[in-house]
């Protein structure tokens, strides 16, 4: 059985990605949070989990290109790095 990681960036509006505003026009809702992280950190965190595939949504070609670059270049986070990010995210 495979395990799928979804909502890697925090949902349809990417509310967990640093630099994204809390409110976006893509959808009429968004989880407001003051804890955000870089897209690179969120992807690396996910790649460090025991998953078969990660679903990383995008809203533009630029986001897609950025995500592909991150996945190609990034190593999965260590357990210590994951724990640090978990503390940061609350």
PDB file of N, CA and C in Angstrom:
ATOM      1  N   UNK A   1       0.837  -1.154   0.000  1.00  0.00           N
ATOM      2  CA  UNK A   1       0.000   0.000   0.000  1.00  0.00           C
ATOM      3  C   UNK A   1       0.899   1.240   0.000  1.00  0.00           C
ATOM      4  N   UNK A   2       0.563   2.211  -0.818  1.00  0.00           N
ATOM      5  CA  UNK A   2       1.322   3.449  -0.876  1.00  0.00           C
ATOM      6  C   UNK A   2       0.737   4.508   0.039  1.00  0.00           C
ATOM      7  N   UNK A   3       1.586   5.422   0.451  1.00  0.00           N
ATOM      8  CA  UNK A   3       1.165   6.540   1.288  1.00  0.00           C
ATOM      9  C   UNK A   3       1.355   7.817   0.485  1.00  0.00           C
ATOM     10  N   UNK A   4       0.291   8.621   0.387  1.00  0.00           N
ATOM     11  CA  UNK A   4       0.317   9.866  -0.380  1.00  0.00           C
ATOM     12  C   UNK A   4       0.358  11.043   0.583  1.00  0.00           C
ATOM     13  N   UNK A   5       1.319  11.941   0.386  1.00  0.00           N
ATOM     14  CA  UNK A   5       1.375  13.194   1.150  1.00  0.00           C
ATOM     15  C   UNK A   5       0.651  14.261   0.334  1.00  0.00           C
ATOM     16  N   UNK A   6      -0.381  14.852   0.924  1.00  0.00           N
ATOM     17  CA  UNK A   6      -1.158  15.883   0.233  1.00  0.00           C
ATOM     18  C   UNK A   6      -1.109  17.185   1.024  1.00  0.00           C
ATOM     19  N   UNK A   7      -1.422  18.269   0.342  1.00  0.00           N
ATOM     20  CA  UNK A   7      -1.475  19.600   0.958  1.00  0.00           C
ATOM     21  C   UNK A   7      -0.124  19.980   1.564  1.00  0.00           C
ATOM     22  N   UNK A   8       0.942  19.646   0.851  1.00  0.00           N
ATOM     23  CA  UNK A   8       2.308  19.878   1.309  1.00  0.00           C
ATOM     24  C   UNK A   8       2.552  21.350   1.634  1.00  0.00           C
ATOM     25  N   UNK A   9       1.939  22.243   0.868  1.00  0.00           N
ATOM     26  CA  UNK A   9       2.141  23.684   1.053  1.00  0.00           C
ATOM     27  C   UNK A   9       1.087  24.311   1.962  1.00  0.00           C
ATOM     28  N   UNK A  10       0.217  23.502   2.515  1.00  0.00           N
ATOM     29  CA  UNK A  10      -0.785  24.021   3.435  1.00  0.00           C
ATOM     30  C   UNK A  10      -2.152  24.212   2.821  1.00  0.00           C
ATOM     31  N   UNK A  11      -2.434  23.562   1.733  1.00  0.00           N
ATOM     32  CA  UNK A  11      -3.748  23.660   1.128  1.00  0.00           C
ATOM     33  C   UNK A  11      -3.738  24.456  -0.154  1.00  0.00           C
ATOM     34  N   UNK A  12      -4.925  24.704  -0.679  1.00  0.00           N
ATOM     35  CA  UNK A  12      -5.082  25.349  -1.974  1.00  0.00           C
ATOM     36  C   UNK A  12      -4.465  26.722  -2.102  1.00  0.00           C
ATOM     37  N   UNK A  13      -4.329  27.427  -1.006  1.00  0.00           N
ATOM     38  CA  UNK A  13      -3.747  28.768  -1.061  1.00  0.00           C
ATOM     39  C   UNK A  13      -2.291  28.799  -0.624  1.00  0.00           C
ATOM     40  N   UNK A  14      -1.739  27.656  -0.287  1.00  0.00           N
ATOM     41  CA  UNK A  14      -0.343  27.613   0.133  1.00  0.00           C
ATOM     42  C   UNK A  14      -0.080  28.447   1.363  1.00  0.00           C
ATOM     43  N   UNK A  15      -0.991  28.375   2.329  1.00  0.00           N
ATOM     44  CA  UNK A  15      -0.916  29.271   3.492  1.00  0.00           C
ATOM     45  C   UNK A  15       0.279  29.011   4.396  1.00  0.00           C
ATOM     46  N   UNK A  16       0.964  27.887   4.232  1.00  0.00           N
ATOM     47  CA  UNK A  16       2.125  27.617   5.084  1.00  0.00           C
ATOM     48  C   UNK A  16       3.431  28.118   4.483  1.00  0.00           C
ATOM     49  N   UNK A  17       3.392  28.579   3.222  1.00  0.00           N
ATOM     50  CA  UNK A  17       4.607  29.019   2.543  1.00  0.00           C
ATOM     51  C   UNK A  17       4.901  30.474   2.891  1.00  0.00           C
ATOM     52  N   UNK A  18       6.094  30.711   3.431  1.00  0.00           N
ATOM     53  CA  UNK A  18       6.512  32.069   3.792  1.00  0.00           C
ATOM     54  C   UNK A  18       6.441  32.971   2.574  1.00  0.00           C
ATOM     55  N   UNK A  19       5.933  34.158   2.797  1.00  0.00           N
ATOM     56  CA  UNK A  19       5.808  35.122   1.715  1.00  0.00           C
ATOM     57  C   UNK A  19       4.436  35.144   1.086  1.00  0.00           C
ATOM     58  N   UNK A  20       3.663  34.074   1.256  1.00  0.00           N
ATOM     59  CA  UNK A  20       2.289  34.090   0.760  1.00  0.00           C
ATOM     60  C   UNK A  20       1.428  34.860   1.746  1.00  0.00           C
ATOM     61  N   UNK A  21       0.600  35.747   1.257  1.00  0.00           N
ATOM     62  CA  UNK A  21      -0.277  36.466   2.188  1.00  0.00           C
ATOM     63  C   UNK A  21      -1.289  35.514   2.817  1.00  0.00           C
ATOM     64  N   UNK A  22      -1.745  35.889   3.995  1.00  0.00           N
ATOM     65  CA  UNK A  22      -2.718  35.043   4.702  1.00  0.00           C
ATOM     66  C   UNK A  22      -4.022  34.922   3.929  1.00  0.00           C
ATOM     67  N   UNK A  23      -4.411  35.981   3.227  1.00  0.00           N
ATOM     68  CA  UNK A  23      -5.650  35.964   2.445  1.00  0.00           C
ATOM     69  C   UNK A  23      -5.278  36.050   0.976  1.00  0.00           C
ATOM     70  N   UNK A  24      -5.791  35.128   0.166  1.00  0.00           N
ATOM     71  CA  UNK A  24      -5.564  35.160  -1.269  1.00  0.00           C
ATOM     72  C   UNK A  24      -6.894  35.057  -1.979  1.00  0.00           C
ATOM     73  N   UNK A  25      -6.871  35.408  -3.244  1.00  0.00           N
ATOM     74  CA  UNK A  25      -8.102  35.426  -4.019  1.00  0.00           C
ATOM     75  C   UNK A  25      -8.386  34.091  -4.702  1.00  0.00           C
ATOM     76  N   UNK A  26      -7.457  33.154  -4.634  1.00  0.00           N
ATOM     77  CA  UNK A  26      -7.652  31.880  -5.321  1.00  0.00           C
ATOM     78  C   UNK A  26      -8.888  31.139  -4.823  1.00  0.00           C
ATOM     79  N   UNK A  27      -9.181  31.265  -3.569  1.00  0.00           N
ATOM     80  CA  UNK A  27     -10.342  30.609  -2.970  1.00  0.00           C
ATOM     81  C   UNK A  27     -10.954  31.569  -1.945  1.00  0.00           C
ATOM     82  N   UNK A  28     -12.210  31.380  -1.624  1.00  0.00           N
ATOM     83  CA  UNK A  28     -12.842  32.269  -0.650  1.00  0.00           C
ATOM     84  C   UNK A  28     -12.488  31.938   0.799  1.00  0.00           C
ATOM     85  N   UNK A  29     -11.582  31.016   1.027  1.00  0.00           N
ATOM     86  CA  UNK A  29     -11.194  30.645   2.388  1.00  0.00           C
ATOM     87  C   UNK A  29      -9.696  30.455   2.452  1.00  0.00           C
ATOM     88  N   UNK A  30      -9.172  30.490   3.646  1.00  0.00           N
ATOM     89  CA  UNK A  30      -7.743  30.227   3.857  1.00  0.00           C
ATOM     90  C   UNK A  30      -7.538  30.049   5.349  1.00  0.00           C
ATOM     91  N   UNK A  31      -6.708  29.100   5.710  1.00  0.00           N
ATOM     92  CA  UNK A  31      -6.346  28.946   7.109  1.00  0.00           C
ATOM     93  C   UNK A  31      -5.370  30.047   7.464  1.00  0.00           C
ATOM     94  N   UNK A  32      -5.721  30.902   8.388  1.00  0.00           N
ATOM     95  CA  UNK A  32      -4.807  31.960   8.800  1.00  0.00           C
ATOM     96  C   UNK A  32      -3.802  31.385   9.789  1.00  0.00           C
ATOM     97  N   UNK A  33      -2.549  31.675   9.563  1.00  0.00           N
ATOM     98  CA  UNK A  33      -1.503  31.198  10.455  1.00  0.00           C
ATOM     99  C   UNK A  33      -0.352  32.173  10.443  1.00  0.00           C
ATOM    100  N   UNK A  34       0.268  32.344  11.578  1.00  0.00           N
ATOM    101  CA  UNK A  34       1.454  33.197  11.643  1.00  0.00           C
ATOM    102  C   UNK A  34       2.717  32.355  11.470  1.00  0.00           C
ATOM    103  N   UNK A  35       2.586  31.034  11.534  1.00  0.00           N
ATOM    104  CA  UNK A  35       3.732  30.144  11.359  1.00  0.00           C
ATOM    105  C   UNK A  35       3.812  29.733   9.895  1.00  0.00           C
ATOM    106  N   UNK A  36       4.852  30.206   9.242  1.00  0.00           N
ATOM    107  CA  UNK A  36       5.077  29.830   7.857  1.00  0.00           C
ATOM    108  C   UNK A  36       6.526  29.408   7.681  1.00  0.00           C
ATOM    109  N   UNK A  37       6.799  28.679   6.601  1.00  0.00           N
ATOM    110  CA  UNK A  37       8.150  28.207   6.306  1.00  0.00           C
ATOM    111  C   UNK A  37       8.372  28.327   4.806  1.00  0.00           C
ATOM    112  N   UNK A  38       9.610  28.196   4.396  1.00  0.00           N
ATOM    113  CA  UNK A  38       9.917  28.267   2.966  1.00  0.00           C
ATOM    114  C   UNK A  38       9.355  27.039   2.254  1.00  0.00           C
ATOM    115  N   UNK A  39       9.068  27.205   0.971  1.00  0.00           N
ATOM    116  CA  UNK A  39       8.605  26.065   0.175  1.00  0.00           C
ATOM    117  C   UNK A  39       9.639  24.948   0.218  1.00  0.00           C
ATOM    118  N   UNK A  40      10.916  25.307   0.180  1.00  0.00           N
ATOM    119  CA  UNK A  40      12.001  24.321   0.240  1.00  0.00           C
ATOM    120  C   UNK A  40      11.911  23.498   1.533  1.00  0.00           C
ATOM    121  N   UNK A  41      11.681  24.162   2.658  1.00  0.00           N
ATOM    122  CA  UNK A  41      11.578  23.446   3.934  1.00  0.00           C
ATOM    123  C   UNK A  41      10.379  22.506   3.962  1.00  0.00           C
ATOM    124  N   UNK A  42       9.246  22.972   3.457  1.00  0.00           N
ATOM    125  CA  UNK A  42       8.041  22.140   3.464  1.00  0.00           C
ATOM    126  C   UNK A  42       8.213  20.911   2.575  1.00  0.00           C
ATOM    127  N   UNK A  43       8.844  21.096   1.421  1.00  0.00           N
ATOM    128  CA  UNK A  43       9.074  19.966   0.519  1.00  0.00           C
ATOM    129  C   UNK A  43      10.098  19.014   1.123  1.00  0.00           C
ATOM    130  N   UNK A  44      11.189  19.533   1.661  1.00  0.00           N
ATOM    131  CA  UNK A  44      12.216  18.674   2.269  1.00  0.00           C
ATOM    132  C   UNK A  44      11.634  17.898   3.447  1.00  0.00           C
ATOM    133  N   UNK A  45      10.793  18.545   4.247  1.00  0.00           N
ATOM    134  CA  UNK A  45      10.149  17.870   5.379  1.00  0.00           C
ATOM    135  C   UNK A  45       9.343  16.677   4.860  1.00  0.00           C
ATOM    136  N   UNK A  46       8.542  16.930   3.851  1.00  0.00           N
ATOM    137  CA  UNK A  46       7.680  15.887   3.305  1.00  0.00           C
ATOM    138  C   UNK A  46       8.491  14.741   2.721  1.00  0.00           C
ATOM    139  N   UNK A  47       9.574  15.063   2.023  1.00  0.00           N
ATOM    140  CA  UNK A  47      10.399  14.025   1.417  1.00  0.00           C
ATOM    141  C   UNK A  47      11.097  13.151   2.466  1.00  0.00           C
ATOM    142  N   UNK A  48      11.201  13.663   3.702  1.00  0.00           N
ATOM    143  CA  UNK A  48      11.808  12.891   4.784  1.00  0.00           C
ATOM    144  C   UNK A  48      10.838  11.936   5.461  1.00  0.00           C
ATOM    145  N   UNK A  49       9.578  11.976   5.079  1.00  0.00           N
ATOM    146  CA  UNK A  49       8.566  11.088   5.659  1.00  0.00           C
ATOM    147  C   UNK A  49       8.509   9.780   4.874  1.00  0.00           C
ATOM    148  N   UNK A  50       7.975   8.722   5.468  1.00  0.00           N
ATOM    149  CA  UNK A  50       7.863   7.443   4.759  1.00  0.00           C
ATOM    150  C   UNK A  50       6.663   7.454   3.806  1.00  0.00           C
ATOM    151  N   UNK A  51       6.818   8.146   2.684  1.00  0.00           N
ATOM    152  CA  UNK A  51       5.730   8.293   1.720  1.00  0.00           C
ATOM    153  C   UNK A  51       6.107   7.647   0.394  1.00  0.00           C
ATOM    154  N   UNK A  52       5.084   7.399  -0.425  1.00  0.00           N
ATOM    155  CA  UNK A  52       5.295   6.883  -1.772  1.00  0.00           C
ATOM    156  C   UNK A  52       5.312   8.010  -2.790  1.00  0.00           C
ATOM    157  N   UNK A  53       4.527   9.048  -2.532  1.00  0.00           N
ATOM    158  CA  UNK A  53       4.416  10.173  -3.460  1.00  0.00           C
ATOM    159  C   UNK A  53       3.948  11.407  -2.691  1.00  0.00           C
ATOM    160  N   UNK A  54       4.384  12.573  -3.151  1.00  0.00           N
ATOM    161  CA  UNK A  54       3.932  13.839  -2.565  1.00  0.00           C
ATOM    162  C   UNK A  54       3.180  14.614  -3.634  1.00  0.00           C
ATOM    163  N   UNK A  55       1.993  15.097  -3.279  1.00  0.00           N
ATOM    164  CA  UNK A  55       1.199  15.923  -4.183  1.00  0.00           C
ATOM    165  C   UNK A  55       1.457  17.376  -3.802  1.00  0.00           C
ATOM    166  N   UNK A  56       2.134  18.084  -4.705  1.00  0.00           N
ATOM    167  CA  UNK A  56       2.476  19.481  -4.441  1.00  0.00           C
ATOM    168  C   UNK A  56       1.738  20.322  -5.475  1.00  0.00           C
ATOM    169  N   UNK A  57       0.677  20.972  -5.057  1.00  0.00           N
ATOM    170  CA  UNK A  57      -0.102  21.786  -5.969  1.00  0.00           C
ATOM    171  C   UNK A  57       0.637  23.058  -6.361  1.00  0.00           C
ATOM    172  N   UNK A  58       0.271  23.590  -7.510  1.00  0.00           N
ATOM    173  CA  UNK A  58       0.872  24.833  -7.990  1.00  0.00           C
ATOM    174  C   UNK A  58      -0.208  25.722  -8.575  1.00  0.00           C
ATOM    175  N   UNK A  59       0.060  27.025  -8.555  1.00  0.00           N
ATOM    176  CA  UNK A  59      -0.874  27.995  -9.130  1.00  0.00           C
ATOM    177  C   UNK A  59      -0.299  28.660 -10.377  1.00  0.00           C
ATOM    178  N   UNK A  60       0.964  28.348 -10.709  1.00  0.00           N
ATOM    179  CA  UNK A  60       1.583  28.960 -11.881  1.00  0.00           C
ATOM    180  C   UNK A  60       2.733  28.095 -12.386  1.00  0.00           C
ATOM    181  N   UNK A  61       3.149  28.373 -13.600  1.00  0.00           N
ATOM    182  CA  UNK A  61       4.299  27.671 -14.178  1.00  0.00           C
ATOM    183  C   UNK A  61       5.558  27.984 -13.373  1.00  0.00           C
ATOM    184  N   UNK A  62       5.695  29.218 -12.896  1.00  0.00           N
ATOM    185  CA  UNK A  62       6.863  29.580 -12.086  1.00  0.00           C
ATOM    186  C   UNK A  62       6.942  28.743 -10.811  1.00  0.00           C
ATOM    187  N   UNK A  63       5.803  28.542 -10.147  1.00  0.00           N
ATOM    188  CA  UNK A  63       5.790  27.691  -8.958  1.00  0.00           C
ATOM    189  C   UNK A  63       6.174  26.261  -9.311  1.00  0.00           C
ATOM    190  N   UNK A  64       5.683  25.771 -10.418  1.00  0.00           N
ATOM    191  CA  UNK A  64       6.025  24.416 -10.848  1.00  0.00           C
ATOM    192  C   UNK A  64       7.527  24.288 -11.070  1.00  0.00           C
ATOM    193  N   UNK A  65       8.118  25.245 -11.775  1.00  0.00           N
ATOM    194  CA  UNK A  65       9.561  25.216 -12.032  1.00  0.00           C
ATOM    195  C   UNK A  65      10.355  25.266 -10.726  1.00  0.00           C
ATOM    196  N   UNK A  66       9.925  26.113  -9.803  1.00  0.00           N
ATOM    197  CA  UNK A  66      10.593  26.218  -8.505  1.00  0.00           C
ATOM    198  C   UNK A  66      10.520  24.902  -7.753  1.00  0.00           C
ATOM    199  N   UNK A  67       9.338  24.299  -7.722  1.00  0.00           N
ATOM    200  CA  UNK A  67       9.160  23.031  -7.005  1.00  0.00           C
ATOM    201  C   UNK A  67       9.999  21.916  -7.617  1.00  0.00           C
ATOM    202  N   UNK A  68      10.064  21.855  -8.940  1.00  0.00           N
ATOM    203  CA  UNK A  68      10.877  20.825  -9.597  1.00  0.00           C
ATOM    204  C   UNK A  68      12.345  21.016  -9.228  1.00  0.00           C
ATOM    205  N   UNK A  69      12.815  22.255  -9.230  1.00  0.00           N
ATOM    206  CA  UNK A  69      14.204  22.535  -8.853  1.00  0.00           C
ATOM    207  C   UNK A  69      14.469  22.104  -7.420  1.00  0.00           C
ATOM    208  N   UNK A  70      13.547  22.426  -6.512  1.00  0.00           N
ATOM    209  CA  UNK A  70      13.712  22.049  -5.101  1.00  0.00           C
ATOM    210  C   UNK A  70      13.807  20.537  -4.961  1.00  0.00           C
ATOM    211  N   UNK A  71      12.908  19.814  -5.602  1.00  0.00           N
ATOM    212  CA  UNK A  71      12.883  18.357  -5.473  1.00  0.00           C
ATOM    213  C   UNK A  71      14.155  17.740  -6.052  1.00  0.00           C
ATOM    214  N   UNK A  72      14.641  18.290  -7.147  1.00  0.00           N
ATOM    215  CA  UNK A  72      15.859  17.746  -7.769  1.00  0.00           C
ATOM    216  C   UNK A  72      17.099  17.996  -6.923  1.00  0.00           C
ATOM    217  N   UNK A  73      17.147  19.154  -6.254  1.00  0.00           N
ATOM    218  CA  UNK A  73      18.360  19.561  -5.540  1.00  0.00           C
ATOM    219  C   UNK A  73      18.343  19.255  -4.045  1.00  0.00           C
ATOM    220  N   UNK A  74      17.183  19.144  -3.458  1.00  0.00           N
ATOM    221  CA  UNK A  74      17.084  19.040  -1.997  1.00  0.00           C
ATOM    222  C   UNK A  74      17.214  17.608  -1.509  1.00  0.00           C
ATOM    223  N   UNK A  75      17.833  17.480  -0.358  1.00  0.00           N
ATOM    224  CA  UNK A  75      17.867  16.206   0.352  1.00  0.00           C
ATOM    225  C   UNK A  75      16.730  16.214   1.367  1.00  0.00           C
ATOM    226  N   UNK A  76      16.163  15.047   1.649  1.00  0.00           N
ATOM    227  CA  UNK A  76      15.135  14.999   2.696  1.00  0.00           C
ATOM    228  C   UNK A  76      15.703  15.502   4.023  1.00  0.00           C
ATOM    229  N   UNK A  77      14.848  16.090   4.851  1.00  0.00           N
ATOM    230  CA  UNK A  77      15.277  16.567   6.165  1.00  0.00           C
ATOM    231  C   UNK A  77      15.634  15.396   7.067  1.00  0.00           C
ATOM    232  N   UNK A  78      16.581  15.649   7.932  1.00  0.00           N
ATOM    233  CA  UNK A  78      16.891  14.678   8.972  1.00  0.00           C
ATOM    234  C   UNK A  78      15.784  14.737  10.024  1.00  0.00           C
ATOM    235  N   UNK A  79      15.758  13.780  10.909  1.00  0.00           N
ATOM    236  CA  UNK A  79      14.755  13.779  11.980  1.00  0.00           C
ATOM    237  C   UNK A  79      14.900  15.030  12.841  1.00  0.00           C
ATOM    238  N   UNK A  80      16.134  15.435  13.129  1.00  0.00           N
ATOM    239  CA  UNK A  80      16.363  16.639  13.948  1.00  0.00           C
ATOM    240  C   UNK A  80      15.829  17.879  13.234  1.00  0.00           C
ATOM    241  N   UNK A  81      16.059  17.983  11.926  1.00  0.00           N
ATOM    242  CA  UNK A  81      15.544  19.123  11.170  1.00  0.00           C
ATOM    243  C   UNK A  81      14.016  19.111  11.143  1.00  0.00           C
ATOM    244  N   UNK A  82      13.433  17.923  10.998  1.00  0.00           N
ATOM    245  CA  UNK A  82      11.971  17.814  11.015  1.00  0.00           C
ATOM    246  C   UNK A  82      11.419  18.285  12.361  1.00  0.00           C
ATOM    247  N   UNK A  83      12.051  17.870  13.442  1.00  0.00           N
ATOM    248  CA  UNK A  83      11.589  18.267  14.777  1.00  0.00           C
ATOM    249  C   UNK A  83      11.700  19.775  14.968  1.00  0.00           C
ATOM    250  N   UNK A  84      12.764  20.387  14.463  1.00  0.00           N
ATOM    251  CA  UNK A  84      12.917  21.841  14.542  1.00  0.00           C
ATOM    252  C   UNK A  84      11.796  22.544  13.778  1.00  0.00           C
ATOM    253  N   UNK A  85      11.481  22.054  12.584  1.00  0.00           N
ATOM    254  CA  UNK A  85      10.414  22.671  11.799  1.00  0.00           C
ATOM    255  C   UNK A  85       9.067  22.480  12.494  1.00  0.00           C
ATOM    256  N   UNK A  86       8.844  21.316  13.063  1.00  0.00           N
ATOM    257  CA  UNK A  86       7.590  21.063  13.787  1.00  0.00           C
ATOM    258  C   UNK A  86       7.432  22.038  14.957  1.00  0.00           C
ATOM    259  N   UNK A  87       8.519  22.309  15.681  1.00  0.00           N
ATOM    260  CA  UNK A  87       8.452  23.282  16.781  1.00  0.00           C
ATOM    261  C   UNK A  87       8.142  24.676  16.250  1.00  0.00           C
ATOM    262  N   UNK A  88       8.777  25.042  15.145  1.00  0.00           N
ATOM    263  CA  UNK A  88       8.556  26.358  14.543  1.00  0.00           C
ATOM    264  C   UNK A  88       7.105  26.538  14.080  1.00  0.00           C
ATOM    265  N   UNK A  89       6.555  25.475  13.496  1.00  0.00           N
ATOM    266  CA  UNK A  89       5.203  25.551  12.935  1.00  0.00           C
ATOM    267  C   UNK A  89       4.131  25.463  14.022  1.00  0.00           C
ATOM    268  N   UNK A  90       4.528  25.026  15.219  1.00  0.00           N
ATOM    269  CA  UNK A  90       3.567  24.974  16.324  1.00  0.00           C
ATOM    270  C   UNK A  90       2.850  23.700  16.353  1.00  0.00           C
TER     271      UNK A  90
END
